[in-house]
Amino acid sequence: GLLIALIGLQNTGIVVANPATMVAV
């Protein structure tokens, strides 16, 4: 469930990659 939610958040653009912190808003 957490993995699916993470992918969903990525698809909306709410969560994005960040080289310093791995993820960001």
mmCIF file of all heavy atoms, coordinates in Angstrom:
data_MODEL
# 
_entry.id   MODEL 
# 
loop_
_atom_site.group_PDB 
_atom_site.id 
_atom_site.type_symbol 
_atom_site.label_atom_id 
_atom_site.label_alt_id 
_atom_site.label_comp_id 
_atom_site.label_asym_id 
_atom_site.label_entity_id 
_atom_site.label_seq_id 
_atom_site.pdbx_PDB_ins_code 
_atom_site.Cartn_x 
_atom_site.Cartn_y 
_atom_site.Cartn_z 
_atom_site.occupancy 
_atom_site.B_iso_or_equiv 
_atom_site.pdbx_formal_charge 
_atom_site.auth_seq_id 
_atom_site.auth_comp_id 
_atom_site.auth_asym_id 
_atom_site.auth_atom_id 
_atom_site.pdbx_PDB_model_num 
ATOM 1   N N   . GLY A 1 1  ? 0.816  -1.212 0.000   1.00 0.00 ? 1  GLY A N   1 
ATOM 2   C CA  . GLY A 1 1  ? 0.000  0.000  0.000   1.00 0.00 ? 1  GLY A CA  1 
ATOM 3   C C   . GLY A 1 1  ? 0.845  1.255  0.000   1.00 0.00 ? 1  GLY A C   1 
ATOM 4   O O   . GLY A 1 1  ? 0.554  2.219  -0.729  1.00 0.00 ? 1  GLY A O   1 
ATOM 5   N N   . LEU A 1 2  ? 1.900  1.280  0.799   1.00 0.00 ? 2  LEU A N   1 
ATOM 6   C CA  . LEU A 1 2  ? 2.792  2.444  0.844   1.00 0.00 ? 2  LEU A CA  1 
ATOM 7   C C   . LEU A 1 2  ? 3.492  2.660  -0.496  1.00 0.00 ? 2  LEU A C   1 
ATOM 8   O O   . LEU A 1 2  ? 3.661  3.799  -0.952  1.00 0.00 ? 2  LEU A O   1 
ATOM 9   C CB  . LEU A 1 2  ? 3.823  2.265  1.956   1.00 0.00 ? 2  LEU A CB  1 
ATOM 10  C CG  . LEU A 1 2  ? 3.298  2.371  3.395   1.00 0.00 ? 2  LEU A CG  1 
ATOM 11  C CD1 . LEU A 1 2  ? 4.371  1.945  4.390   1.00 0.00 ? 2  LEU A CD1 1 
ATOM 12  C CD2 . LEU A 1 2  ? 2.844  3.801  3.689   1.00 0.00 ? 2  LEU A CD2 1 
ATOM 13  N N   . LEU A 1 3  ? 3.906  1.556  -1.132  1.00 0.00 ? 3  LEU A N   1 
ATOM 14  C CA  . LEU A 1 3  ? 4.575  1.663  -2.422  1.00 0.00 ? 3  LEU A CA  1 
ATOM 15  C C   . LEU A 1 3  ? 3.614  2.186  -3.488  1.00 0.00 ? 3  LEU A C   1 
ATOM 16  O O   . LEU A 1 3  ? 3.966  3.061  -4.294  1.00 0.00 ? 3  LEU A O   1 
ATOM 17  C CB  . LEU A 1 3  ? 5.138  0.305  -2.839  1.00 0.00 ? 3  LEU A CB  1 
ATOM 18  C CG  . LEU A 1 3  ? 5.864  0.250  -4.193  1.00 0.00 ? 3  LEU A CG  1 
ATOM 19  C CD1 . LEU A 1 3  ? 7.027  1.236  -4.223  1.00 0.00 ? 3  LEU A CD1 1 
ATOM 20  C CD2 . LEU A 1 3  ? 6.346  -1.157 -4.474  1.00 0.00 ? 3  LEU A CD2 1 
ATOM 21  N N   . ILE A 1 4  ? 2.380  1.673  -3.482  1.00 0.00 ? 4  ILE A N   1 
ATOM 22  C CA  . ILE A 1 4  ? 1.381  2.145  -4.440  1.00 0.00 ? 4  ILE A CA  1 
ATOM 23  C C   . ILE A 1 4  ? 1.097  3.630  -4.221  1.00 0.00 ? 4  ILE A C   1 
ATOM 24  O O   . ILE A 1 4  ? 0.996  4.408  -5.179  1.00 0.00 ? 4  ILE A O   1 
ATOM 25  C CB  . ILE A 1 4  ? 0.079  1.334  -4.291  1.00 0.00 ? 4  ILE A CB  1 
ATOM 26  C CG1 . ILE A 1 4  ? 0.314  -0.126 -4.680  1.00 0.00 ? 4  ILE A CG1 1 
ATOM 27  C CG2 . ILE A 1 4  ? -1.023 1.923  -5.162  1.00 0.00 ? 4  ILE A CG2 1 
ATOM 28  C CD1 . ILE A 1 4  ? -0.868 -1.018 -4.383  1.00 0.00 ? 4  ILE A CD1 1 
ATOM 29  N N   . ALA A 1 5  ? 0.977  4.035  -2.957  1.00 0.00 ? 5  ALA A N   1 
ATOM 30  C CA  . ALA A 1 5  ? 0.705  5.439  -2.648  1.00 0.00 ? 5  ALA A CA  1 
ATOM 31  C C   . ALA A 1 5  ? 1.847  6.335  -3.117  1.00 0.00 ? 5  ALA A C   1 
ATOM 32  O O   . ALA A 1 5  ? 1.623  7.435  -3.647  1.00 0.00 ? 5  ALA A O   1 
ATOM 33  C CB  . ALA A 1 5  ? 0.483  5.608  -1.152  1.00 0.00 ? 5  ALA A CB  1 
ATOM 34  N N   . LEU A 1 6  ? 3.079  5.880  -2.920  1.00 0.00 ? 6  LEU A N   1 
ATOM 35  C CA  . LEU A 1 6  ? 4.244  6.653  -3.367  1.00 0.00 ? 6  LEU A CA  1 
ATOM 36  C C   . LEU A 1 6  ? 4.208  6.862  -4.877  1.00 0.00 ? 6  LEU A C   1 
ATOM 37  O O   . LEU A 1 6  ? 4.463  7.966  -5.377  1.00 0.00 ? 6  LEU A O   1 
ATOM 38  C CB  . LEU A 1 6  ? 5.534  5.932  -2.966  1.00 0.00 ? 6  LEU A CB  1 
ATOM 39  C CG  . LEU A 1 6  ? 6.844  6.545  -3.470  1.00 0.00 ? 6  LEU A CG  1 
ATOM 40  C CD1 . LEU A 1 6  ? 7.007  7.966  -2.949  1.00 0.00 ? 6  LEU A CD1 1 
ATOM 41  C CD2 . LEU A 1 6  ? 8.037  5.677  -3.083  1.00 0.00 ? 6  LEU A CD2 1 
ATOM 42  N N   . ILE A 1 7  ? 3.865  5.803  -5.602  1.00 0.00 ? 7  ILE A N   1 
ATOM 43  C CA  . ILE A 1 7  ? 3.791  5.911  -7.063  1.00 0.00 ? 7  ILE A CA  1 
ATOM 44  C C   . ILE A 1 7  ? 2.668  6.873  -7.463  1.00 0.00 ? 7  ILE A C   1 
ATOM 45  O O   . ILE A 1 7  ? 2.814  7.677  -8.386  1.00 0.00 ? 7  ILE A O   1 
ATOM 46  C CB  . ILE A 1 7  ? 3.568  4.518  -7.686  1.00 0.00 ? 7  ILE A CB  1 
ATOM 47  C CG1 . ILE A 1 7  ? 4.806  3.635  -7.428  1.00 0.00 ? 7  ILE A CG1 1 
ATOM 48  C CG2 . ILE A 1 7  ? 3.299  4.625  -9.183  1.00 0.00 ? 7  ILE A CG2 1 
ATOM 49  C CD1 . ILE A 1 7  ? 4.596  2.177  -7.757  1.00 0.00 ? 7  ILE A CD1 1 
ATOM 50  N N   . GLY A 1 8  ? 1.535  6.792  -6.757  1.00 0.00 ? 8  GLY A N   1 
ATOM 51  C CA  . GLY A 1 8  ? 0.436  7.715  -7.028  1.00 0.00 ? 8  GLY A CA  1 
ATOM 52  C C   . GLY A 1 8  ? 0.839  9.163  -6.782  1.00 0.00 ? 8  GLY A C   1 
ATOM 53  O O   . GLY A 1 8  ? 0.513  10.058 -7.573  1.00 0.00 ? 8  GLY A O   1 
ATOM 54  N N   . LEU A 1 9  ? 1.560  9.402  -5.701  1.00 0.00 ? 9  LEU A N   1 
ATOM 55  C CA  . LEU A 1 9  ? 2.030  10.752 -5.395  1.00 0.00 ? 9  LEU A CA  1 
ATOM 56  C C   . LEU A 1 9  ? 3.020  11.246 -6.445  1.00 0.00 ? 9  LEU A C   1 
ATOM 57  O O   . LEU A 1 9  ? 3.059  12.439 -6.769  1.00 0.00 ? 9  LEU A O   1 
ATOM 58  C CB  . LEU A 1 9  ? 2.668  10.772 -4.002  1.00 0.00 ? 9  LEU A CB  1 
ATOM 59  C CG  . LEU A 1 9  ? 1.697  10.587 -2.830  1.00 0.00 ? 9  LEU A CG  1 
ATOM 60  C CD1 . LEU A 1 9  ? 2.466  10.332 -1.539  1.00 0.00 ? 9  LEU A CD1 1 
ATOM 61  C CD2 . LEU A 1 9  ? 0.793  11.812 -2.678  1.00 0.00 ? 9  LEU A CD2 1 
ATOM 62  N N   . GLN A 1 10 ? 3.827  10.341 -6.975  1.00 0.00 ? 10 GLN A N   1 
ATOM 63  C CA  . GLN A 1 10 ? 4.744  10.704 -8.054  1.00 0.00 ? 10 GLN A CA  1 
ATOM 64  C C   . GLN A 1 10 ? 3.976  11.081 -9.317  1.00 0.00 ? 10 GLN A C   1 
ATOM 65  O O   . GLN A 1 10 ? 4.323  12.043 -10.002 1.00 0.00 ? 10 GLN A O   1 
ATOM 66  C CB  . GLN A 1 10 ? 5.693  9.542  -8.363  1.00 0.00 ? 10 GLN A CB  1 
ATOM 67  C CG  . GLN A 1 10 ? 6.786  9.319  -7.328  1.00 0.00 ? 10 GLN A CG  1 
ATOM 68  C CD  . GLN A 1 10 ? 7.683  8.163  -7.712  1.00 0.00 ? 10 GLN A CD  1 
ATOM 69  O OE1 . GLN A 1 10 ? 7.218  7.116  -8.144  1.00 0.00 ? 10 GLN A OE1 1 
ATOM 70  N NE2 . GLN A 1 10 ? 8.982  8.344  -7.557  1.00 0.00 ? 10 GLN A NE2 1 
ATOM 71  N N   . ASN A 1 11 ? 2.936  10.308 -9.631  1.00 0.00 ? 11 ASN A N   1 
ATOM 72  C CA  . ASN A 1 11 ? 2.166  10.563 -10.858 1.00 0.00 ? 11 ASN A CA  1 
ATOM 73  C C   . ASN A 1 11 ? 1.424  11.898 -10.817 1.00 0.00 ? 11 ASN A C   1 
ATOM 74  O O   . ASN A 1 11 ? 1.105  12.468 -11.857 1.00 0.00 ? 11 ASN A O   1 
ATOM 75  C CB  . ASN A 1 11 ? 1.173  9.425  -11.097 1.00 0.00 ? 11 ASN A CB  1 
ATOM 76  C CG  . ASN A 1 11 ? 1.862  8.156  -11.560 1.00 0.00 ? 11 ASN A CG  1 
ATOM 77  O OD1 . ASN A 1 11 ? 3.032  8.161  -11.921 1.00 0.00 ? 11 ASN A OD1 1 
ATOM 78  N ND2 . ASN A 1 11 ? 1.144  7.049  -11.551 1.00 0.00 ? 11 ASN A ND2 1 
ATOM 79  N N   . THR A 1 12 ? 1.108  12.371 -9.622  1.00 0.00 ? 12 THR A N   1 
ATOM 80  C CA  . THR A 1 12 ? 0.458  13.681 -9.508  1.00 0.00 ? 12 THR A CA  1 
ATOM 81  C C   . THR A 1 12 ? 1.482  14.817 -9.506  1.00 0.00 ? 12 THR A C   1 
ATOM 82  O O   . THR A 1 12 ? 1.117  15.981 -9.701  1.00 0.00 ? 12 THR A O   1 
ATOM 83  C CB  . THR A 1 12 ? -0.362 13.779 -8.205  1.00 0.00 ? 12 THR A CB  1 
ATOM 84  O OG1 . THR A 1 12 ? 0.529  13.644 -7.084  1.00 0.00 ? 12 THR A OG1 1 
ATOM 85  C CG2 . THR A 1 12 ? -1.444 12.721 -8.147  1.00 0.00 ? 12 THR A CG2 1 
ATOM 86  N N   . GLY A 1 13 ? 2.733  14.487 -9.247  1.00 0.00 ? 13 GLY A N   1 
ATOM 87  C CA  . GLY A 1 13 ? 3.759  15.510 -9.133  1.00 0.00 ? 13 GLY A CA  1 
ATOM 88  C C   . GLY A 1 13 ? 3.868  16.091 -7.740  1.00 0.00 ? 13 GLY A C   1 
ATOM 89  O O   . GLY A 1 13 ? 4.623  17.028 -7.498  1.00 0.00 ? 13 GLY A O   1 
ATOM 90  N N   . ILE A 1 14 ? 3.125  15.521 -6.782  1.00 0.00 ? 14 ILE A N   1 
ATOM 91  C CA  . ILE A 1 14 ? 3.207  15.997 -5.396  1.00 0.00 ? 14 ILE A CA  1 
ATOM 92  C C   . ILE A 1 14 ? 4.547  15.624 -4.785  1.00 0.00 ? 14 ILE A C   1 
ATOM 93  O O   . ILE A 1 14 ? 5.142  16.395 -4.023  1.00 0.00 ? 14 ILE A O   1 
ATOM 94  C CB  . ILE A 1 14 ? 2.040  15.420 -4.565  1.00 0.00 ? 14 ILE A CB  1 
ATOM 95  C CG1 . ILE A 1 14 ? 0.708  15.982 -5.075  1.00 0.00 ? 14 ILE A CG1 1 
ATOM 96  C CG2 . ILE A 1 14 ? 2.215  15.728 -3.083  1.00 0.00 ? 14 ILE A CG2 1 
ATOM 97  C CD1 . ILE A 1 14 ? -0.515 15.381 -4.409  1.00 0.00 ? 14 ILE A CD1 1 
ATOM 98  N N   . VAL A 1 15 ? 5.035  14.443 -5.136  1.00 0.00 ? 15 VAL A N   1 
ATOM 99  C CA  . VAL A 1 15 ? 6.357  13.999 -4.689  1.00 0.00 ? 15 VAL A CA  1 
ATOM 100 C C   . VAL A 1 15 ? 7.256  13.900 -5.913  1.00 0.00 ? 15 VAL A C   1 
ATOM 101 O O   . VAL A 1 15 ? 6.884  13.295 -6.923  1.00 0.00 ? 15 VAL A O   1 
ATOM 102 C CB  . VAL A 1 15 ? 6.278  12.631 -3.976  1.00 0.00 ? 15 VAL A CB  1 
ATOM 103 C CG1 . VAL A 1 15 ? 7.678  12.090 -3.705  1.00 0.00 ? 15 VAL A CG1 1 
ATOM 104 C CG2 . VAL A 1 15 ? 5.499  12.755 -2.681  1.00 0.00 ? 15 VAL A CG2 1 
ATOM 105 N N   . VAL A 1 16 ? 8.436  14.518 -5.838  1.00 0.00 ? 16 VAL A N   1 
ATOM 106 C CA  . VAL A 1 16 ? 9.391  14.497 -6.952  1.00 0.00 ? 16 VAL A CA  1 
ATOM 107 C C   . VAL A 1 16 ? 10.763 14.094 -6.437  1.00 0.00 ? 16 VAL A C   1 
ATOM 108 O O   . VAL A 1 16 ? 11.022 14.098 -5.230  1.00 0.00 ? 16 VAL A O   1 
ATOM 109 C CB  . VAL A 1 16 ? 9.481  15.883 -7.632  1.00 0.00 ? 16 VAL A CB  1 
ATOM 110 C CG1 . VAL A 1 16 ? 8.141  16.260 -8.255  1.00 0.00 ? 16 VAL A CG1 1 
ATOM 111 C CG2 . VAL A 1 16 ? 9.935  16.955 -6.640  1.00 0.00 ? 16 VAL A CG2 1 
ATOM 112 N N   . ALA A 1 17 ? 11.628 13.723 -7.362  1.00 0.00 ? 17 ALA A N   1 
ATOM 113 C CA  . ALA A 1 17 ? 12.994 13.337 -6.994  1.00 0.00 ? 17 ALA A CA  1 
ATOM 114 C C   . ALA A 1 17 ? 13.808 14.556 -6.602  1.00 0.00 ? 17 ALA A C   1 
ATOM 115 O O   . ALA A 1 17 ? 13.583 15.663 -7.099  1.00 0.00 ? 17 ALA A O   1 
ATOM 116 C CB  . ALA A 1 17 ? 13.656 12.614 -8.163  1.00 0.00 ? 17 ALA A CB  1 
ATOM 117 N N   . ASN A 1 18 ? 14.755 14.332 -5.691  1.00 0.00 ? 18 ASN A N   1 
ATOM 118 C CA  . ASN A 1 18 ? 15.647 15.399 -5.257  1.00 0.00 ? 18 ASN A CA  1 
ATOM 119 C C   . ASN A 1 18 ? 17.012 14.780 -4.973  1.00 0.00 ? 18 ASN A C   1 
ATOM 120 O O   . ASN A 1 18 ? 17.108 13.846 -4.169  1.00 0.00 ? 18 ASN A O   1 
ATOM 121 C CB  . ASN A 1 18 ? 15.097 16.082 -4.004  1.00 0.00 ? 18 ASN A CB  1 
ATOM 122 C CG  . ASN A 1 18 ? 15.942 17.264 -3.570  1.00 0.00 ? 18 ASN A CG  1 
ATOM 123 O OD1 . ASN A 1 18 ? 17.070 17.103 -3.123  1.00 0.00 ? 18 ASN A OD1 1 
ATOM 124 N ND2 . ASN A 1 18 ? 15.386 18.467 -3.696  1.00 0.00 ? 18 ASN A ND2 1 
ATOM 125 N N   . PRO A 1 19 ? 18.088 15.260 -5.615  1.00 0.00 ? 19 PRO A N   1 
ATOM 126 C CA  . PRO A 1 19 ? 19.409 14.642 -5.434  1.00 0.00 ? 19 PRO A CA  1 
ATOM 127 C C   . PRO A 1 19 ? 19.961 14.751 -4.024  1.00 0.00 ? 19 PRO A C   1 
ATOM 128 O O   . PRO A 1 19 ? 20.758 13.919 -3.597  1.00 0.00 ? 19 PRO A O   1 
ATOM 129 C CB  . PRO A 1 19 ? 20.293 15.399 -6.440  1.00 0.00 ? 19 PRO A CB  1 
ATOM 130 C CG  . PRO A 1 19 ? 19.570 16.694 -6.675  1.00 0.00 ? 19 PRO A CG  1 
ATOM 131 C CD  . PRO A 1 19 ? 18.117 16.376 -6.561  1.00 0.00 ? 19 PRO A CD  1 
ATOM 132 N N   . ALA A 1 20 ? 19.521 15.757 -3.280  1.00 0.00 ? 20 ALA A N   1 
ATOM 133 C CA  . ALA A 1 20 ? 20.041 15.950 -1.927  1.00 0.00 ? 20 ALA A CA  1 
ATOM 134 C C   . ALA A 1 20 ? 19.271 15.160 -0.886  1.00 0.00 ? 20 ALA A C   1 
ATOM 135 O O   . ALA A 1 20 ? 19.862 14.561 0.019   1.00 0.00 ? 20 ALA A O   1 
ATOM 136 C CB  . ALA A 1 20 ? 20.017 17.443 -1.579  1.00 0.00 ? 20 ALA A CB  1 
ATOM 137 N N   . THR A 1 21 ? 17.959 15.138 -1.025  1.00 0.00 ? 21 THR A N   1 
ATOM 138 C CA  . THR A 1 21 ? 17.122 14.488 -0.004  1.00 0.00 ? 21 THR A CA  1 
ATOM 139 C C   . THR A 1 21 ? 16.377 13.265 -0.538  1.00 0.00 ? 21 THR A C   1 
ATOM 140 O O   . THR A 1 21 ? 15.544 12.704 0.158   1.00 0.00 ? 21 THR A O   1 
ATOM 141 C CB  . THR A 1 21 ? 16.093 15.488 0.547   1.00 0.00 ? 21 THR A CB  1 
ATOM 142 O OG1 . THR A 1 21 ? 15.250 15.935 -0.532  1.00 0.00 ? 21 THR A OG1 1 
ATOM 143 C CG2 . THR A 1 21 ? 16.783 16.680 1.174   1.00 0.00 ? 21 THR A CG2 1 
ATOM 144 N N   . MET A 1 22 ? 16.658 12.869 -1.767  1.00 0.00 ? 22 MET A N   1 
ATOM 145 C CA  . MET A 1 22 ? 16.021 11.750 -2.471  1.00 0.00 ? 22 MET A CA  1 
ATOM 146 C C   . MET A 1 22 ? 14.614 12.093 -2.940  1.00 0.00 ? 22 MET A C   1 
ATOM 147 O O   . MET A 1 22 ? 14.250 11.863 -4.074  1.00 0.00 ? 22 MET A O   1 
ATOM 148 C CB  . MET A 1 22 ? 16.019 10.476 -1.619  1.00 0.00 ? 22 MET A CB  1 
ATOM 149 C CG  . MET A 1 22 ? 17.413 9.901  -1.404  1.00 0.00 ? 22 MET A CG  1 
ATOM 150 S SD  . MET A 1 22 ? 17.387 8.290  -0.595  1.00 0.00 ? 22 MET A SD  1 
ATOM 151 C CE  . MET A 1 22 ? 16.988 8.772  1.076   1.00 0.00 ? 22 MET A CE  1 
ATOM 152 N N   . VAL A 1 23 ? 13.789 12.638 -2.046  1.00 0.00 ? 23 VAL A N   1 
ATOM 153 C CA  . VAL A 1 23 ? 12.445 13.055 -2.451  1.00 0.00 ? 23 VAL A CA  1 
ATOM 154 C C   . VAL A 1 23 ? 12.169 14.462 -1.929  1.00 0.00 ? 23 VAL A C   1 
ATOM 155 O O   . VAL A 1 23 ? 12.782 14.905 -0.964  1.00 0.00 ? 23 VAL A O   1 
ATOM 156 C CB  . VAL A 1 23 ? 11.350 12.088 -1.921  1.00 0.00 ? 23 VAL A CB  1 
ATOM 157 C CG1 . VAL A 1 23 ? 11.458 10.730 -2.591  1.00 0.00 ? 23 VAL A CG1 1 
ATOM 158 C CG2 . VAL A 1 23 ? 11.425 11.965 -0.409  1.00 0.00 ? 23 VAL A CG2 1 
ATOM 159 N N   . ALA A 1 24 ? 11.212 15.141 -2.591  1.00 0.00 ? 24 ALA A N   1 
ATOM 160 C CA  . ALA A 1 24 ? 10.834 16.495 -2.181  1.00 0.00 ? 24 ALA A CA  1 
ATOM 161 C C   . ALA A 1 24 ? 9.411  16.757 -2.658  1.00 0.00 ? 24 ALA A C   1 
ATOM 162 O O   . ALA A 1 24 ? 8.828  15.963 -3.401  1.00 0.00 ? 24 ALA A O   1 
ATOM 163 C CB  . ALA A 1 24 ? 11.801 17.529 -2.763  1.00 0.00 ? 24 ALA A CB  1 
ATOM 164 N N   . VAL A 1 25 ? 8.850  17.886 -2.223  1.00 0.00 ? 25 VAL A N   1 
ATOM 165 C CA  . VAL A 1 25 ? 7.509  18.283 -2.650  1.00 0.00 ? 25 VAL A CA  1 
ATOM 166 C C   . VAL A 1 25 ? 7.609  18.992 -3.993  1.00 0.00 ? 25 VAL A C   1 
ATOM 167 O O   . VAL A 1 25 ? 8.481  19.834 -4.206  1.00 0.00 ? 25 VAL A O   1 
ATOM 168 C CB  . VAL A 1 25 ? 6.855  19.221 -1.609  1.00 0.00 ? 25 VAL A CB  1 
ATOM 169 C CG1 . VAL A 1 25 ? 5.498  19.707 -2.111  1.00 0.00 ? 25 VAL A CG1 1 
ATOM 170 C CG2 . VAL A 1 25 ? 6.696  18.500 -0.284  1.00 0.00 ? 25 VAL A CG2 1 
# 
